[in-house]
Amino acid sequence: MRSMWKGSISFGLVTIPIKLYAATETKDVRFNLLHAECRTPVSYRKWCQVCDEEVAGEEIVKGYEYEKGRYVIMTDEDFEAMPVAAGHTLDIVDFVRLEQIDPIYFEKT
């Protein structure tokens, strides 16, 4: 299982490295899409509706639609340059009793 987050918990001058994992795992039944005739998996195609052709993975970029049909293109460098408010440190502010936590939050952390 892969960790969801890596970082540390600090108590004054003491720092404890930690990894967070999901508290539960979903064990849903998942089906593959198959071609009925030959029983082989159907592939996922990335298709451009304007050019009417399949698009290769290296030709795909991320864009944010700020107005209907108009996008701002974001690169990996743009995401790396963004200031991140949260660091890799958890600050413990308070503790609560188990009874104070709604059980609905036990499905996933």
C-alpha atoms as a PDB file:
ATOM      1  CA  MET A   1       0.000   0.000   0.000  1.00  0.00           C
ATOM      2  CA  ARG A   2       1.283   3.479  -0.903  1.00  0.00           C
ATOM      3  CA  SER A   3       1.303   6.275   1.613  1.00  0.00           C
ATOM      4  CA  MET A   4      -1.016   9.227   0.943  1.00  0.00           C
ATOM      5  CA  TRP A   5       1.305  11.729   2.602  1.00  0.00           C
ATOM      6  CA  LYS A   6       4.838  11.814   4.007  1.00  0.00           C
ATOM      7  CA  GLY A   7       6.068  14.356   6.497  1.00  0.00           C
ATOM      8  CA  SER A   8       6.732  14.819  10.191  1.00  0.00           C
ATOM      9  CA  ILE A   9       5.081  15.665  13.486  1.00  0.00           C
ATOM     10  CA  SER A  10       6.968  18.176  15.610  1.00  0.00           C
ATOM     11  CA  PHE A  11       6.845  18.623  19.386  1.00  0.00           C
ATOM     12  CA  GLY A  12       9.115  21.575  20.050  1.00  0.00           C
ATOM     13  CA  LEU A  13      12.617  20.347  19.193  1.00  0.00           C
ATOM     14  CA  VAL A  14      11.515  16.728  18.648  1.00  0.00           C
ATOM     15  CA  THR A  15      10.560  15.771  15.086  1.00  0.00           C
ATOM     16  CA  ILE A  16       9.010  12.392  14.281  1.00  0.00           C
ATOM     17  CA  PRO A  17       8.918  11.287  10.621  1.00  0.00           C
ATOM     18  CA  ILE A  18       5.565   9.784   9.619  1.00  0.00           C
ATOM     19  CA  LYS A  19       3.663   8.354   6.661  1.00  0.00           C
ATOM     20  CA  LEU A  20      -0.142   8.494   6.380  1.00  0.00           C
ATOM     21  CA  TYR A  21      -2.114   5.625   4.899  1.00  0.00           C
ATOM     22  CA  ALA A  22      -5.832   5.292   4.206  1.00  0.00           C
ATOM     23  CA  ALA A  23      -7.557   3.767   7.224  1.00  0.00           C
ATOM     24  CA  THR A  24      -9.738   1.558   5.042  1.00  0.00           C
ATOM     25  CA  GLU A  25      -9.570  -0.119   1.680  1.00  0.00           C
ATOM     26  CA  THR A  26     -12.478  -0.415  -0.702  1.00  0.00           C
ATOM     27  CA  LYS A  27     -12.995  -3.983  -1.835  1.00  0.00           C
ATOM     28  CA  ASP A  28     -15.483  -3.236  -4.594  1.00  0.00           C
ATOM     29  CA  VAL A  29     -15.911  -5.616  -7.487  1.00  0.00           C
ATOM     30  CA  ARG A  30     -14.509  -4.043 -10.625  1.00  0.00           C
ATOM     31  CA  PHE A  31     -15.227  -5.152 -14.143  1.00  0.00           C
ATOM     32  CA  ASN A  32     -13.118  -4.765 -17.264  1.00  0.00           C
ATOM     33  CA  LEU A  33     -14.757  -3.626 -20.491  1.00  0.00           C
ATOM     34  CA  LEU A  34     -14.404  -6.365 -23.103  1.00  0.00           C
ATOM     35  CA  HIS A  35     -15.133  -6.634 -26.797  1.00  0.00           C
ATOM     36  CA  ALA A  36     -18.105  -9.036 -26.934  1.00  0.00           C
ATOM     37  CA  GLU A  37     -16.911 -10.785 -30.099  1.00  0.00           C
ATOM     38  CA  CYS A  38     -13.359 -11.756 -29.074  1.00  0.00           C
ATOM     39  CA  ARG A  39     -13.486 -11.200 -25.264  1.00  0.00           C
ATOM     40  CA  THR A  40     -10.430  -8.906 -25.199  1.00  0.00           C
ATOM     41  CA  PRO A  41     -10.156  -5.677 -23.164  1.00  0.00           C
ATOM     42  CA  VAL A  42     -11.317  -2.478 -24.844  1.00  0.00           C
ATOM     43  CA  SER A  43      -8.667   0.257 -24.794  1.00  0.00           C
ATOM     44  CA  TYR A  44      -9.206   3.815 -23.647  1.00  0.00           C
ATOM     45  CA  ARG A  45      -8.819   6.221 -26.567  1.00  0.00           C
ATOM     46  CA  LYS A  46      -8.033   9.908 -26.199  1.00  0.00           C
ATOM     47  CA  TRP A  47      -9.870  11.544 -29.066  1.00  0.00           C
ATOM     48  CA  CYS A  48      -9.868  15.155 -30.285  1.00  0.00           C
ATOM     49  CA  GLN A  49     -13.361  16.057 -31.486  1.00  0.00           C
ATOM     50  CA  VAL A  50     -12.154  19.050 -33.542  1.00  0.00           C
ATOM     51  CA  CYS A  51      -9.294  17.319 -35.405  1.00  0.00           C
ATOM     52  CA  ASP A  52     -11.232  14.015 -35.517  1.00  0.00           C
ATOM     53  CA  GLU A  53      -8.149  11.987 -34.609  1.00  0.00           C
ATOM     54  CA  GLU A  54      -6.613  10.089 -31.719  1.00  0.00           C
ATOM     55  CA  VAL A  55      -4.252  12.161 -29.536  1.00  0.00           C
ATOM     56  CA  ALA A  56      -0.977  10.738 -28.177  1.00  0.00           C
ATOM     57  CA  GLY A  57      -0.251  11.096 -24.459  1.00  0.00           C
ATOM     58  CA  GLU A  58       2.664  13.496 -25.030  1.00  0.00           C
ATOM     59  CA  GLU A  59       0.319  15.853 -26.945  1.00  0.00           C
ATOM     60  CA  ILE A  60      -2.067  16.278 -24.003  1.00  0.00           C
ATOM     61  CA  VAL A  61      -1.797  19.294 -21.678  1.00  0.00           C
ATOM     62  CA  LYS A  62      -3.725  20.385 -18.573  1.00  0.00           C
ATOM     63  CA  GLY A  63      -6.044  23.344 -18.887  1.00  0.00           C
ATOM     64  CA  TYR A  64      -8.382  25.264 -16.616  1.00  0.00           C
ATOM     65  CA  GLU A  65     -11.619  26.476 -18.221  1.00  0.00           C
ATOM     66  CA  TYR A  66     -12.067  30.050 -16.973  1.00  0.00           C
ATOM     67  CA  GLU A  67     -14.823  30.859 -19.474  1.00  0.00           C
ATOM     68  CA  LYS A  68     -16.944  28.571 -21.664  1.00  0.00           C
ATOM     69  CA  GLY A  69     -14.555  27.168 -24.289  1.00  0.00           C
ATOM     70  CA  ARG A  70     -11.545  29.245 -23.130  1.00  0.00           C
ATOM     71  CA  TYR A  71      -8.667  27.695 -21.204  1.00  0.00           C
ATOM     72  CA  VAL A  72      -5.481  28.625 -19.400  1.00  0.00           C
ATOM     73  CA  ILE A  73      -2.844  25.960 -20.063  1.00  0.00           C
ATOM     74  CA  MET A  74      -0.873  24.787 -17.010  1.00  0.00           C
ATOM     75  CA  THR A  75       2.520  23.054 -17.256  1.00  0.00           C
ATOM     76  CA  ASP A  76       4.341  20.960 -14.665  1.00  0.00           C
ATOM     77  CA  GLU A  77       6.623  23.957 -14.090  1.00  0.00           C
ATOM     78  CA  ASP A  78       3.584  26.125 -13.298  1.00  0.00           C
ATOM     79  CA  PHE A  79       2.434  23.664 -10.631  1.00  0.00           C
ATOM     80  CA  GLU A  80       5.931  23.413  -9.126  1.00  0.00           C
ATOM     81  CA  ALA A  81       6.225  27.212  -8.941  1.00  0.00           C
ATOM     82  CA  MET A  82       2.925  27.630  -7.078  1.00  0.00           C
ATOM     83  CA  PRO A  83       3.313  28.564  -3.420  1.00  0.00           C
ATOM     84  CA  VAL A  84       2.006  25.777  -1.228  1.00  0.00           C
ATOM     85  CA  ALA A  85       0.272  26.878   1.952  1.00  0.00           C
ATOM     86  CA  ALA A  86       0.742  23.536   3.698  1.00  0.00           C
ATOM     87  CA  GLY A  87       4.173  22.166   4.425  1.00  0.00           C
ATOM     88  CA  HIS A  88       5.228  18.673   5.341  1.00  0.00           C
ATOM     89  CA  THR A  89       4.635  19.234   9.040  1.00  0.00           C
ATOM     90  CA  LEU A  90       1.507  18.488  11.058  1.00  0.00           C
ATOM     91  CA  ASP A  91       0.857  20.701  14.052  1.00  0.00           C
ATOM     92  CA  ILE A  92      -1.118  18.968  16.784  1.00  0.00           C
ATOM     93  CA  VAL A  93      -3.510  21.560  18.142  1.00  0.00           C
ATOM     94  CA  ASP A  94      -5.807  19.434  20.299  1.00  0.00           C
ATOM     95  CA  PHE A  95      -6.988  15.895  21.008  1.00  0.00           C
ATOM     96  CA  VAL A  96     -10.614  14.722  21.041  1.00  0.00           C
ATOM     97  CA  ARG A  97     -12.372  11.732  22.530  1.00  0.00           C
ATOM     98  CA  LEU A  98     -13.406   8.974  20.114  1.00  0.00           C
ATOM     99  CA  GLU A  99     -17.101   9.579  20.872  1.00  0.00           C
ATOM    100  CA  GLN A 100     -16.776  13.131  19.495  1.00  0.00           C
ATOM    101  CA  ILE A 101     -15.930  11.893  15.973  1.00  0.00           C
ATOM    102  CA  ASP A 102     -18.855  11.159  13.667  1.00  0.00           C
ATOM    103  CA  PRO A 103     -18.518   7.530  12.404  1.00  0.00           C
ATOM    104  CA  ILE A 104     -19.094   8.734   8.832  1.00  0.00           C
ATOM    105  CA  TYR A 105     -15.448   9.890   8.835  1.00  0.00           C
ATOM    106  CA  PHE A 106     -14.236   6.331   9.476  1.00  0.00           C
ATOM    107  CA  GLU A 107     -14.889   5.293   5.844  1.00  0.00           C
ATOM    108  CA  LYS A 108     -11.767   7.153   4.623  1.00  0.00           C
ATOM    109  CA  THR A 109      -9.245   9.355   6.363  1.00  0.00           C
END
